[in-house]
Each structure stands twice: as structure tokens, then as C-alpha cells.
PDB file of N, CA and C in Angstrom:
ATOM      1  N   UNK A   1      49.815-105.132 136.713  1.00  0.00           N
ATOM      2  CA  UNK A   1      48.908-105.907 137.548  1.00  0.00           C
ATOM      3  C   UNK A   1      49.592-107.219 137.926  1.00  0.00           C
ATOM      4  N   UNK A   2      49.501-107.590 139.198  1.00  0.00           N
ATOM      5  CA  UNK A   2      50.071-108.837 139.685  1.00  0.00           C
ATOM      6  C   UNK A   2      49.219-109.998 139.195  1.00  0.00           C
ATOM      7  N   UNK A   3      49.895-111.041 138.727  1.00  0.00           N
ATOM      8  CA  UNK A   3      49.216-112.233 138.213  1.00  0.00           C
ATOM      9  C   UNK A   3      48.371-112.889 139.299  1.00  0.00           C
ATOM     10  N   UNK A   4      47.167-113.254 138.937  1.00  0.00           N
ATOM     11  CA  UNK A   4      46.265-114.004 139.812  1.00  0.00           C
ATOM     12  C   UNK A   4      46.351-115.472 139.401  1.00  0.00           C
ATOM     13  N   UNK A   5      46.451-116.345 140.395  1.00  0.00           N
ATOM     14  CA  UNK A   5      46.463-117.780 140.156  1.00  0.00           C
ATOM     15  C   UNK A   5      45.315-118.380 140.952  1.00  0.00           C
ATOM     16  N   UNK A   6      44.532-119.235 140.288  1.00  0.00           N
ATOM     17  CA  UNK A   6      43.400-119.879 140.953  1.00  0.00           C
ATOM     18  C   UNK A   6      43.597-121.390 140.911  1.00  0.00           C
ATOM     19  N   UNK A   7      43.610-121.994 142.099  1.00  0.00           N
ATOM     20  CA  UNK A   7      43.615-123.453 142.201  1.00  0.00           C
ATOM     21  C   UNK A   7      42.153-123.865 142.142  1.00  0.00           C
ATOM     22  N   UNK A   8      41.798-124.489 141.036  1.00  0.00           N
ATOM     23  CA  UNK A   8      40.398-124.649 140.630  1.00  0.00           C
ATOM     24  C   UNK A   8      39.988-126.108 140.529  1.00  0.00           C
ATOM     25  N   UNK A   9      38.766-126.368 140.973  1.00  0.00           N
ATOM     26  CA  UNK A   9      38.116-127.663 140.770  1.00  0.00           C
ATOM     27  C   UNK A   9      36.859-127.368 139.954  1.00  0.00           C
ATOM     28  N   UNK A  10      36.812-127.834 138.694  1.00  0.00           N
ATOM     29  CA  UNK A  10      35.669-127.504 137.840  1.00  0.00           C
ATOM     30  C   UNK A  10      34.346-128.107 138.303  1.00  0.00           C
ATOM     31  N   UNK A  11      34.388-128.996 139.296  1.00  0.00           N
ATOM     32  CA  UNK A  11      33.153-129.577 139.826  1.00  0.00           C
ATOM     33  C   UNK A  11      32.667-128.869 141.082  1.00  0.00           C
ATOM     34  N   UNK A  12      33.325-127.783 141.443  1.00  0.00           N
ATOM     35  CA  UNK A  12      32.990-127.046 142.662  1.00  0.00           C
ATOM     36  C   UNK A  12      32.271-125.748 142.307  1.00  0.00           C
ATOM     37  N   UNK A  13      31.077-125.567 142.831  1.00  0.00           N
ATOM     38  CA  UNK A  13      30.305-124.364 142.516  1.00  0.00           C
ATOM     39  C   UNK A  13      31.004-123.097 143.021  1.00  0.00           C
ATOM     40  N   UNK A  14      31.667-123.167 144.180  1.00  0.00           N
ATOM     41  CA  UNK A  14      32.368-121.992 144.708  1.00  0.00           C
ATOM     42  C   UNK A  14      33.548-121.623 143.812  1.00  0.00           C
ATOM     43  N   UNK A  15      34.217-122.628 143.296  1.00  0.00           N
ATOM     44  CA  UNK A  15      35.346-122.393 142.408  1.00  0.00           C
ATOM     45  C   UNK A  15      34.875-121.778 141.091  1.00  0.00           C
ATOM     46  N   UNK A  16      33.795-122.302 140.561  1.00  0.00           N
ATOM     47  CA  UNK A  16      33.225-121.754 139.322  1.00  0.00           C
ATOM     48  C   UNK A  16      32.755-120.318 139.525  1.00  0.00           C
ATOM     49  N   UNK A  17      32.126-120.053 140.663  1.00  0.00           N
ATOM     50  CA  UNK A  17      31.644-118.695 140.949  1.00  0.00           C
ATOM     51  C   UNK A  17      32.812-117.722 141.109  1.00  0.00           C
ATOM     52  N   UNK A  18      33.912-118.193 141.692  1.00  0.00           N
ATOM     53  CA  UNK A  18      35.092-117.341 141.839  1.00  0.00           C
ATOM     54  C   UNK A  18      35.656-116.961 140.477  1.00  0.00           C
ATOM     55  N   UNK A  19      35.768-117.936 139.586  1.00  0.00           N
ATOM     56  CA  UNK A  19      36.254-117.636 138.236  1.00  0.00           C
ATOM     57  C   UNK A  19      35.321-116.670 137.522  1.00  0.00           C
ATOM     58  N   UNK A  20      34.018-116.840 137.718  1.00  0.00           N
ATOM     59  CA  UNK A  20      33.046-115.940 137.087  1.00  0.00           C
ATOM     60  C   UNK A  20      33.220-114.514 137.599  1.00  0.00           C
ATOM     61  N   UNK A  21      33.452-114.346 138.893  1.00  0.00           N
ATOM     62  CA  UNK A  21      33.665-113.006 139.454  1.00  0.00           C
ATOM     63  C   UNK A  21      34.937-112.366 138.903  1.00  0.00           C
ATOM     64  N   UNK A  22      35.989-113.161 138.758  1.00  0.00           N
ATOM     65  CA  UNK A  22      37.217-112.629 138.162  1.00  0.00           C
ATOM     66  C   UNK A  22      36.963-112.167 136.734  1.00  0.00           C
ATOM     67  N   UNK A  23      36.220-112.978 135.988  1.00  0.00           N
ATOM     68  CA  UNK A  23      35.909-112.619 134.602  1.00  0.00           C
ATOM     69  C   UNK A  23      35.043-111.362 134.546  1.00  0.00           C
ATOM     70  N   UNK A  24      34.027-111.288 135.408  1.00  0.00           N
ATOM     71  CA  UNK A  24      33.159-110.103 135.445  1.00  0.00           C
ATOM     72  C   UNK A  24      33.954-108.840 135.737  1.00  0.00           C
ATOM     73  N   UNK A  25      35.014-108.977 136.527  1.00  0.00           N
ATOM     74  CA  UNK A  25      35.846-107.833 136.897  1.00  0.00           C
ATOM     75  C   UNK A  25      37.067-107.690 135.988  1.00  0.00           C
ATOM     76  N   UNK A  26      37.004-108.383 134.858  1.00  0.00           N
ATOM     77  CA  UNK A  26      38.059-108.311 133.841  1.00  0.00           C
ATOM     78  C   UNK A  26      39.443-108.524 134.445  1.00  0.00           C
ATOM     79  N   UNK A  27      39.525-109.519 135.306  1.00  0.00           N
ATOM     80  CA  UNK A  27      40.784-109.869 135.964  1.00  0.00           C
ATOM     81  C   UNK A  27      41.253-111.212 135.424  1.00  0.00           C
ATOM     82  N   UNK A  28      42.279-111.196 134.580  1.00  0.00           N
ATOM     83  CA  UNK A  28      42.778-112.460 134.044  1.00  0.00           C
ATOM     84  C   UNK A  28      43.423-113.292 135.148  1.00  0.00           C
ATOM     85  N   UNK A  29      43.337-114.604 134.987  1.00  0.00           N
ATOM     86  CA  UNK A  29      43.902-115.493 135.991  1.00  0.00           C
ATOM     87  C   UNK A  29      44.477-116.734 135.322  1.00  0.00           C
ATOM     88  N   UNK A  30      45.554-117.211 135.909  1.00  0.00           N
ATOM     89  CA  UNK A  30      46.076-118.520 135.528  1.00  0.00           C
ATOM     90  C   UNK A  30      45.274-119.534 136.337  1.00  0.00           C
ATOM     91  N   UNK A  31      44.700-120.511 135.656  1.00  0.00           N
ATOM     92  CA  UNK A  31      43.879-121.508 136.331  1.00  0.00           C
ATOM     93  C   UNK A  31      44.655-122.818 136.413  1.00  0.00           C
ATOM     94  N   UNK A  32      44.805-123.308 137.630  1.00  0.00           N
ATOM     95  CA  UNK A  32      45.469-124.584 137.855  1.00  0.00           C
ATOM     96  C   UNK A  32      44.416-125.595 138.289  1.00  0.00           C
ATOM     97  N   UNK A  33      44.247-126.614 137.481  1.00  0.00           N
ATOM     98  CA  UNK A  33      43.326-127.711 137.823  1.00  0.00           C
ATOM     99  C   UNK A  33      44.084-128.647 138.764  1.00  0.00           C
ATOM    100  N   UNK A  34      43.993-128.351 140.052  1.00  0.00           N
ATOM    101  CA  UNK A  34      44.861-129.014 141.019  1.00  0.00           C
ATOM    102  C   UNK A  34      44.542-130.492 141.224  1.00  0.00           C
ATOM    103  N   UNK A  35      43.377-130.950 140.799  1.00  0.00           N
ATOM    104  CA  UNK A  35      43.101-132.388 140.883  1.00  0.00           C
ATOM    105  C   UNK A  35      43.882-133.148 139.822  1.00  0.00           C
ATOM    106  N   UNK A  36      44.118-132.489 138.686  1.00  0.00           N
ATOM    107  CA  UNK A  36      44.888-133.100 137.602  1.00  0.00           C
ATOM    108  C   UNK A  36      46.384-132.919 137.810  1.00  0.00           C
ATOM    109  N   UNK A  37      46.771-131.760 138.315  1.00  0.00           N
ATOM    110  CA  UNK A  37      48.189-131.460 138.567  1.00  0.00           C
ATOM    111  C   UNK A  37      48.327-130.971 140.007  1.00  0.00           C
ATOM    112  N   UNK A  38      48.333-131.913 140.947  1.00  0.00           N
ATOM    113  CA  UNK A  38      48.374-131.524 142.353  1.00  0.00           C
ATOM    114  C   UNK A  38      49.689-130.845 142.721  1.00  0.00           C
ATOM    115  N   UNK A  39      49.623-129.928 143.675  1.00  0.00           N
ATOM    116  CA  UNK A  39      50.850-129.295 144.138  1.00  0.00           C
ATOM    117  C   UNK A  39      51.721-130.314 144.865  1.00  0.00           C
ATOM    118  N   UNK A  40      53.040-130.116 144.775  1.00  0.00           N
ATOM    119  CA  UNK A  40      53.941-130.963 145.551  1.00  0.00           C
ATOM    120  C   UNK A  40      54.058-130.381 146.953  1.00  0.00           C
ATOM    121  N   UNK A  41      54.846-131.024 147.791  1.00  0.00           N
ATOM    122  CA  UNK A  41      54.934-130.592 149.187  1.00  0.00           C
ATOM    123  C   UNK A  41      55.467-129.163 149.298  1.00  0.00           C
ATOM    124  N   UNK A  42      56.480-128.832 148.515  1.00  0.00           N
ATOM    125  CA  UNK A  42      57.030-127.470 148.583  1.00  0.00           C
ATOM    126  C   UNK A  42      56.000-126.438 148.140  1.00  0.00           C
ATOM    127  N   UNK A  43      55.269-126.740 147.074  1.00  0.00           N
ATOM    128  CA  UNK A  43      54.222-125.819 146.608  1.00  0.00           C
ATOM    129  C   UNK A  43      53.136-125.666 147.670  1.00  0.00           C
ATOM    130  N   UNK A  44      52.766-126.767 148.322  1.00  0.00           N
ATOM    131  CA  UNK A  44      51.773-126.694 149.395  1.00  0.00           C
ATOM    132  C   UNK A  44      52.271-125.804 150.529  1.00  0.00           C
ATOM    133  N   UNK A  45      53.527-125.954 150.898  1.00  0.00           N
ATOM    134  CA  UNK A  45      54.086-125.137 151.982  1.00  0.00           C
ATOM    135  C   UNK A  45      54.082-123.663 151.605  1.00  0.00           C
ATOM    136  N   UNK A  46      54.390-123.356 150.345  1.00  0.00           N
ATOM    137  CA  UNK A  46      54.336-121.970 149.878  1.00  0.00           C
ATOM    138  C   UNK A  46      52.911-121.423 149.959  1.00  0.00           C
ATOM    139  N   UNK A  47      51.941-122.241 149.509  1.00  0.00           N
ATOM    140  CA  UNK A  47      50.542-121.815 149.575  1.00  0.00           C
ATOM    141  C   UNK A  47      50.118-121.551 151.015  1.00  0.00           C
ATOM    142  N   UNK A  48      50.477-122.453 151.908  1.00  0.00           N
ATOM    143  CA  UNK A  48      50.100-122.287 153.310  1.00  0.00           C
ATOM    144  C   UNK A  48      50.709-121.022 153.904  1.00  0.00           C
ATOM    145  N   UNK A  49      51.950-120.717 153.542  1.00  0.00           N
ATOM    146  CA  UNK A  49      52.584-119.489 154.035  1.00  0.00           C
ATOM    147  C   UNK A  49      51.825-118.269 153.530  1.00  0.00           C
ATOM    148  N   UNK A  50      51.409-118.302 152.277  1.00  0.00           N
ATOM    149  CA  UNK A  50      50.659-117.174 151.711  1.00  0.00           C
ATOM    150  C   UNK A  50      49.266-117.069 152.325  1.00  0.00           C
ATOM    151  N   UNK A  51      48.686-118.221 152.654  1.00  0.00           N
ATOM    152  CA  UNK A  51      47.371-118.239 153.283  1.00  0.00           C
ATOM    153  C   UNK A  51      47.444-117.885 154.765  1.00  0.00           C
ATOM    154  N   UNK A  52      48.602-118.132 155.372  1.00  0.00           N
ATOM    155  CA  UNK A  52      48.759-117.884 156.797  1.00  0.00           C
ATOM    156  C   UNK A  52      48.055-118.916 157.657  1.00  0.00           C
ATOM    157  N   UNK A  53      47.998-120.177 157.174  1.00  0.00           N
ATOM    158  CA  UNK A  53      47.331-121.247 157.915  1.00  0.00           C
ATOM    159  C   UNK A  53      48.232-122.476 157.942  1.00  0.00           C
ATOM    160  N   UNK A  54      47.865-123.434 158.773  1.00  0.00           N
ATOM    161  CA  UNK A  54      48.569-124.707 158.841  1.00  0.00           C
ATOM    162  C   UNK A  54      47.928-125.740 157.932  1.00  0.00           C
ATOM    163  N   UNK A  55      48.609-126.842 157.744  1.00  0.00           N
ATOM    164  CA  UNK A  55      48.129-127.882 156.834  1.00  0.00           C
ATOM    165  C   UNK A  55      46.768-128.436 157.254  1.00  0.00           C
ATOM    166  N   UNK A  56      46.539-128.594 158.536  1.00  0.00           N
ATOM    167  CA  UNK A  56      45.236-129.121 158.975  1.00  0.00           C
ATOM    168  C   UNK A  56      44.084-128.167 158.638  1.00  0.00           C
ATOM    169  N   UNK A  57      44.383-126.865 158.599  1.00  0.00           N
ATOM    170  CA  UNK A  57      43.358-125.875 158.263  1.00  0.00           C
ATOM    171  C   UNK A  57      42.981-125.920 156.792  1.00  0.00           C
ATOM    172  N   UNK A  58      43.820-126.547 155.980  1.00  0.00           N
ATOM    173  CA  UNK A  58      43.582-126.629 154.546  1.00  0.00           C
ATOM    174  C   UNK A  58      42.694-127.820 154.180  1.00  0.00           C
ATOM    175  N   UNK A  59      42.496-128.728 155.131  1.00  0.00           N
ATOM    176  CA  UNK A  59      41.799-129.979 154.837  1.00  0.00           C
ATOM    177  C   UNK A  59      40.287-129.814 154.753  1.00  0.00           C
ATOM    178  N   UNK A  60      39.731-130.485 153.756  1.00  0.00           N
ATOM    179  CA  UNK A  60      38.270-130.577 153.627  1.00  0.00           C
ATOM    180  C   UNK A  60      37.817-131.794 154.424  1.00  0.00           C
ATOM    181  N   UNK A  61      37.293-131.531 155.591  1.00  0.00           N
ATOM    182  CA  UNK A  61      36.892-132.619 156.481  1.00  0.00           C
ATOM    183  C   UNK A  61      35.657-133.369 155.984  1.00  0.00           C
ATOM    184  N   UNK A  62      34.931-132.776 155.051  1.00  0.00           N
ATOM    185  CA  UNK A  62      33.711-133.405 154.543  1.00  0.00           C
ATOM    186  C   UNK A  62      33.981-134.454 153.461  1.00  0.00           C
ATOM    187  N   UNK A  63      35.212-134.530 152.979  1.00  0.00           N
ATOM    188  CA  UNK A  63      35.531-135.512 151.946  1.00  0.00           C
ATOM    189  C   UNK A  63      35.670-136.901 152.572  1.00  0.00           C
ATOM    190  N   UNK A  64      35.167-137.936 151.898  1.00  0.00           N
ATOM    191  CA  UNK A  64      35.304-139.304 152.424  1.00  0.00           C
ATOM    192  C   UNK A  64      36.762-139.683 152.698  1.00  0.00           C
ATOM    193  N   UNK A  65      37.683-139.155 151.896  1.00  0.00           N
ATOM    194  CA  UNK A  65      39.102-139.468 152.079  1.00  0.00           C
ATOM    195  C   UNK A  65      39.611-139.018 153.450  1.00  0.00           C
ATOM    196  N   UNK A  66      39.030-137.959 153.974  1.00  0.00           N
ATOM    197  CA  UNK A  66      39.454-137.460 155.286  1.00  0.00           C
ATOM    198  C   UNK A  66      39.297-138.562 156.335  1.00  0.00           C
ATOM    199  N   UNK A  67      38.127-139.190 156.355  1.00  0.00           N
ATOM    200  CA  UNK A  67      37.883-140.281 157.299  1.00  0.00           C
ATOM    201  C   UNK A  67      38.636-141.546 156.894  1.00  0.00           C
ATOM    202  N   UNK A  68      38.603-141.856 155.596  1.00  0.00           N
ATOM    203  CA  UNK A  68      39.249-143.079 155.111  1.00  0.00           C
ATOM    204  C   UNK A  68      40.735-143.116 155.446  1.00  0.00           C
ATOM    205  N   UNK A  69      41.391-141.958 155.408  1.00  0.00           N
ATOM    206  CA  UNK A  69      42.826-141.876 155.653  1.00  0.00           C
ATOM    207  C   UNK A  69      43.170-141.606 157.120  1.00  0.00           C
ATOM    208  N   UNK A  70      42.144-141.503 157.962  1.00  0.00           N
ATOM    209  CA  UNK A  70      42.374-141.311 159.390  1.00  0.00           C
ATOM    210  C   UNK A  70      42.944-139.949 159.742  1.00  0.00           C
ATOM    211  N   UNK A  71      42.577-138.931 158.962  1.00  0.00           N
ATOM    212  CA  UNK A  71      43.141-137.597 159.185  1.00  0.00           C
ATOM    213  C   UNK A  71      42.624-136.909 160.443  1.00  0.00           C
ATOM    214  N   UNK A  72      41.617-137.470 161.078  1.00  0.00           N
ATOM    215  CA  UNK A  72      41.151-136.891 162.336  1.00  0.00           C
ATOM    216  C   UNK A  72      42.130-137.189 163.472  1.00  0.00           C
ATOM    217  N   UNK A  73      43.062-138.108 163.239  1.00  0.00           N
ATOM    218  CA  UNK A  73      44.054-138.487 164.241  1.00  0.00           C
ATOM    219  C   UNK A  73      45.034-137.342 164.466  1.00  0.00           C
ATOM    220  N   UNK A  74      44.951-136.703 165.618  1.00  0.00           N
ATOM    221  CA  UNK A  74      45.802-135.554 165.938  1.00  0.00           C
ATOM    222  C   UNK A  74      47.265-135.953 166.088  1.00  0.00           C
ATOM    223  N   UNK A  75      47.534-137.245 166.196  1.00  0.00           N
ATOM    224  CA  UNK A  75      48.910-137.724 166.348  1.00  0.00           C
ATOM    225  C   UNK A  75      49.653-137.824 165.008  1.00  0.00           C
ATOM    226  N   UNK A  76      48.919-137.719 163.890  1.00  0.00           N
ATOM    227  CA  UNK A  76      49.578-137.784 162.587  1.00  0.00           C
ATOM    228  C   UNK A  76      50.537-136.614 162.428  1.00  0.00           C
ATOM    229  N   UNK A  77      51.729-136.899 161.945  1.00  0.00           N
ATOM    230  CA  UNK A  77      52.708-135.828 161.755  1.00  0.00           C
ATOM    231  C   UNK A  77      52.336-134.990 160.539  1.00  0.00           C
ATOM    232  N   UNK A  78      52.836-133.755 160.523  1.00  0.00           N
ATOM    233  CA  UNK A  78      52.600-132.894 159.366  1.00  0.00           C
ATOM    234  C   UNK A  78      53.183-133.519 158.109  1.00  0.00           C
ATOM    235  N   UNK A  79      54.311-134.188 158.240  1.00  0.00           N
ATOM    236  CA  UNK A  79      54.950-134.843 157.094  1.00  0.00           C
ATOM    237  C   UNK A  79      53.999-135.848 156.451  1.00  0.00           C
ATOM    238  N   UNK A  80      53.341-136.637 157.267  1.00  0.00           N
ATOM    239  CA  UNK A  80      52.379-137.627 156.753  1.00  0.00           C
ATOM    240  C   UNK A  80      51.200-136.913 156.110  1.00  0.00           C
ATOM    241  N   UNK A  81      50.696-135.864 156.748  1.00  0.00           N
ATOM    242  CA  UNK A  81      49.543-135.141 156.208  1.00  0.00           C
ATOM    243  C   UNK A  81      49.894-134.508 154.866  1.00  0.00           C
ATOM    244  N   UNK A  82      51.061-133.883 154.777  1.00  0.00           N
ATOM    245  CA  UNK A  82      51.481-133.302 153.497  1.00  0.00           C
ATOM    246  C   UNK A  82      51.514-134.370 152.408  1.00  0.00           C
ATOM    247  N   UNK A  83      52.082-135.518 152.731  1.00  0.00           N
ATOM    248  CA  UNK A  83      52.159-136.608 151.758  1.00  0.00           C
ATOM    249  C   UNK A  83      50.768-137.050 151.318  1.00  0.00           C
ATOM    250  N   UNK A  84      49.864-137.199 152.261  1.00  0.00           N
ATOM    251  CA  UNK A  84      48.505-137.629 151.932  1.00  0.00           C
ATOM    252  C   UNK A  84      47.771-136.600 151.084  1.00  0.00           C
ATOM    253  N   UNK A  85      47.944-135.332 151.411  1.00  0.00           N
ATOM    254  CA  UNK A  85      47.280-134.276 150.648  1.00  0.00           C
ATOM    255  C   UNK A  85      47.811-134.242 149.207  1.00  0.00           C
ATOM    256  N   UNK A  86      49.102-134.436 149.035  1.00  0.00           N
ATOM    257  CA  UNK A  86      49.668-134.453 147.681  1.00  0.00           C
ATOM    258  C   UNK A  86      49.133-135.632 146.876  1.00  0.00           C
ATOM    259  N   UNK A  87      48.905-136.744 147.551  1.00  0.00           N
ATOM    260  CA  UNK A  87      48.382-137.929 146.848  1.00  0.00           C
ATOM    261  C   UNK A  87      46.861-137.903 146.701  1.00  0.00           C
ATOM    262  N   UNK A  88      46.197-137.086 147.511  1.00  0.00           N
ATOM    263  CA  UNK A  88      44.726-136.978 147.486  1.00  0.00           C
ATOM    264  C   UNK A  88      44.345-135.493 147.494  1.00  0.00           C
ATOM    265  N   UNK A  89      44.579-134.788 146.388  1.00  0.00           N
ATOM    266  CA  UNK A  89      44.347-133.333 146.370  1.00  0.00           C
ATOM    267  C   UNK A  89      42.890-132.930 146.579  1.00  0.00           C
ATOM    268  N   UNK A  90      41.967-133.878 146.488  1.00  0.00           N
ATOM    269  CA  UNK A  90      40.559-133.562 146.762  1.00  0.00           C
ATOM    270  C   UNK A  90      40.399-133.033 148.188  1.00  0.00           C
ATOM    271  N   UNK A  91      41.383-133.303 149.039  1.00  0.00           N
ATOM    272  CA  UNK A  91      41.339-132.863 150.433  1.00  0.00           C
ATOM    273  C   UNK A  91      41.598-131.371 150.607  1.00  0.00           C
ATOM    274  N   UNK A  92      42.054-130.703 149.560  1.00  0.00           N
ATOM    275  CA  UNK A  92      42.419-129.286 149.645  1.00  0.00           C
ATOM    276  C   UNK A  92      41.174-128.403 149.559  1.00  0.00           C
ATOM    277  N   UNK A  93      41.056-127.468 150.516  1.00  0.00           N
ATOM    278  CA  UNK A  93      39.988-126.468 150.449  1.00  0.00           C
ATOM    279  C   UNK A  93      40.082-125.732 149.120  1.00  0.00           C
ATOM    280  N   UNK A  94      38.970-125.297 148.613  1.00  0.00           N
ATOM    281  CA  UNK A  94      38.959-124.629 147.318  1.00  0.00           C
ATOM    282  C   UNK A  94      37.881-123.569 147.270  1.00  0.00           C
ATOM    283  N   UNK A  95      38.053-122.675 146.341  1.00  0.00           N
ATOM    284  CA  UNK A  95      39.231-122.424 145.524  1.00  0.00           C
ATOM    285  C   UNK A  95      40.249-121.602 146.291  1.00  0.00           C
ATOM    286  N   UNK A  96      41.500-121.809 145.970  1.00  0.00           N
ATOM    287  CA  UNK A  96      42.567-120.972 146.514  1.00  0.00           C
ATOM    288  C   UNK A  96      42.941-119.975 145.431  1.00  0.00           C
ATOM    289  N   UNK A  97      42.976-118.706 145.813  1.00  0.00           N
ATOM    290  CA  UNK A  97      43.335-117.649 144.872  1.00  0.00           C
ATOM    291  C   UNK A  97      44.581-116.962 145.407  1.00  0.00           C
ATOM    292  N   UNK A  98      45.585-116.853 144.537  1.00  0.00           N
ATOM    293  CA  UNK A  98      46.875-116.284 144.927  1.00  0.00           C
ATOM    294  C   UNK A  98      47.128-115.020 144.119  1.00  0.00           C
ATOM    295  N   UNK A  99      47.599-114.004 144.830  1.00  0.00           N
ATOM    296  CA  UNK A  99      48.046-112.763 144.186  1.00  0.00           C
ATOM    297  C   UNK A  99      49.329-112.360 144.888  1.00  0.00           C
ATOM    298  N   UNK A 100      50.439-112.514 144.186  1.00  0.00           N
ATOM    299  CA  UNK A 100      51.729-112.179 144.788  1.00  0.00           C
ATOM    300  C   UNK A 100      52.014-113.046 145.988  1.00  0.00           C
ATOM    301  N   UNK A 101      52.259-112.394 147.123  1.00  0.00           N
ATOM    302  CA  UNK A 101      52.588-113.107 148.356  1.00  0.00           C
ATOM    303  C   UNK A 101      51.369-113.348 149.238  1.00  0.00           C
ATOM    304  N   UNK A 102      50.179-113.102 148.688  1.00  0.00           N
ATOM    305  CA  UNK A 102      48.948-113.251 149.448  1.00  0.00           C
ATOM    306  C   UNK A 102      48.056-114.283 148.785  1.00  0.00           C
ATOM    307  N   UNK A 103      47.372-115.060 149.601  1.00  0.00           N
ATOM    308  CA  UNK A 103      46.415-116.031 149.075  1.00  0.00           C
ATOM    309  C   UNK A 103      45.206-116.078 149.998  1.00  0.00           C
ATOM    310  N   UNK A 104      44.087-116.465 149.413  1.00  0.00           N
ATOM    311  CA  UNK A 104      42.859-116.650 150.190  1.00  0.00           C
ATOM    312  C   UNK A 104      42.169-117.922 149.714  1.00  0.00           C
ATOM    313  N   UNK A 105      41.349-118.466 150.583  1.00  0.00           N
ATOM    314  CA  UNK A 105      40.398-119.495 150.180  1.00  0.00           C
ATOM    315  C   UNK A 105      39.116-118.722 149.915  1.00  0.00           C
ATOM    316  N   UNK A 106      38.696-118.705 148.663  1.00  0.00           N
ATOM    317  CA  UNK A 106      37.571-117.855 148.251  1.00  0.00           C
ATOM    318  C   UNK A 106      36.237-118.495 148.626  1.00  0.00           C
ATOM    319  N   UNK A 107      35.961-118.498 149.905  1.00  0.00           N
ATOM    320  CA  UNK A 107      34.694-118.970 150.455  1.00  0.00           C
ATOM    321  C   UNK A 107      34.213-117.894 151.412  1.00  0.00           C
ATOM    322  N   UNK A 108      33.249-117.163 151.068  1.00  0.00           N
ATOM    323  CA  UNK A 108      32.453-117.200 149.845  1.00  0.00           C
ATOM    324  C   UNK A 108      33.254-116.672 148.657  1.00  0.00           C
ATOM    325  N   UNK A 109      32.798-116.968 147.444  1.00  0.00           N
ATOM    326  CA  UNK A 109      33.519-116.516 146.252  1.00  0.00           C
ATOM    327  C   UNK A 109      33.769-115.011 146.230  1.00  0.00           C
ATOM    328  N   UNK A 110      32.864-114.223 146.815  1.00  0.00           N
ATOM    329  CA  UNK A 110      33.009-112.767 146.822  1.00  0.00           C
ATOM    330  C   UNK A 110      34.277-112.314 147.555  1.00  0.00           C
ATOM    331  N   UNK A 111      34.865-113.191 148.345  1.00  0.00           N
ATOM    332  CA  UNK A 111      36.105-112.843 149.042  1.00  0.00           C
ATOM    333  C   UNK A 111      37.206-112.495 148.069  1.00  0.00           C
ATOM    334  N   UNK A 112      37.112-113.016 146.856  1.00  0.00           N
ATOM    335  CA  UNK A 112      38.137-112.721 145.845  1.00  0.00           C
ATOM    336  C   UNK A 112      38.162-111.233 145.492  1.00  0.00           C
ATOM    337  N   UNK A 113      37.041-110.558 145.665  1.00  0.00           N
ATOM    338  CA  UNK A 113      36.985-109.130 145.327  1.00  0.00           C
ATOM    339  C   UNK A 113      37.924-108.313 146.197  1.00  0.00           C
ATOM    340  N   UNK A 114      38.083-108.689 147.450  1.00  0.00           N
ATOM    341  CA  UNK A 114      39.014-107.965 148.321  1.00  0.00           C
ATOM    342  C   UNK A 114      40.461-108.219 147.887  1.00  0.00           C
ATOM    343  N   UNK A 115      40.725-109.366 147.314  1.00  0.00           N
ATOM    344  CA  UNK A 115      42.082-109.682 146.881  1.00  0.00           C
ATOM    345  C   UNK A 115      42.462-108.921 145.623  1.00  0.00           C
ATOM    346  N   UNK A 116      41.499-108.780 144.704  1.00  0.00           N
ATOM    347  CA  UNK A 116      41.826-108.084 143.469  1.00  0.00           C
ATOM    348  C   UNK A 116      41.743-106.571 143.646  1.00  0.00           C
ATOM    349  N   UNK A 117      40.948-106.120 144.618  1.00  0.00           N
ATOM    350  CA  UNK A 117      40.880-104.721 145.038  1.00  0.00           C
ATOM    351  C   UNK A 117      41.025-103.719 143.907  1.00  0.00           C
ATOM    352  N   UNK A 118      42.102-102.948 143.955  1.00  0.00           N
ATOM    353  CA  UNK A 118      42.324-101.848 143.009  1.00  0.00           C
ATOM    354  C   UNK A 118      42.559-102.334 141.584  1.00  0.00           C
ATOM    355  N   UNK A 119      42.879-103.610 141.423  1.00  0.00           N
ATOM    356  CA  UNK A 119      43.127-104.135 140.084  1.00  0.00           C
ATOM    357  C   UNK A 119      41.834-104.351 139.315  1.00  0.00           C
ATOM    358  N   UNK A 120      40.710-104.391 140.030  1.00  0.00           N
ATOM    359  CA  UNK A 120      39.430-104.691 139.367  1.00  0.00           C
ATOM    360  C   UNK A 120      38.973-103.514 138.542  1.00  0.00           C
TER     361      UNK A 120
END
């Protein structure tokens, strides 16, 4: 079975529900508390490649930091955005679940079931 990795925020109901679904389906997962140990720029780029999205698609626009840091400015370079996200990981959509070369943002949490598929 391919290792499952979950980028988890313990204060997020969707993240908690995703972990519960993995447990219900007897699918072990490595849990990364990304607020405590944020991904670096290279790790973020790897995640985005697995997700098949750009850095702006990863941003939580509802977080106060989004407005405070001026992330709505379309002129901001990706380099600046990557730096800001690494310094303010609360901006990352969650939970992110990775299996091999594939990743999803488990919203709704049930989306994780398609990722674990035959392994469940």
C-alpha cells in the first residue's frame, strides 16, 4: 500500500473529518501538522505539482492574512507568494492528502475515499 500523507490542521473540522474517514477505512497515514512544521518552497512546489494547481489556487482567501498581506494583488510574483505562504502556512487550503504522485484537497472530506480507492 502506498503511504498516505495528510497535511493537517487540528483546528479544522474538514481536516479532522478526513482523518476520521481514513481511520474508519483502516488506512494509516503520516500526519503533518503543517502549521507547526510548514513546508518549504520546494515542498510546496512538489505539492502543487501533485495537486495539479498553481500557488494562487492553494490560498485560503478567507484568512485575515490573505488581505493583510495584500495577496489579492495580481501583480505579486509567484516567488513572493511562495515566500509568504511558507511564512504564513495558515494560508494553505486544507487538508491536503497525498498518495504517491497524486494529491487532493479533501474538501469535502469524502473526497479522500476516491484517493484511497482499492486500498480501503
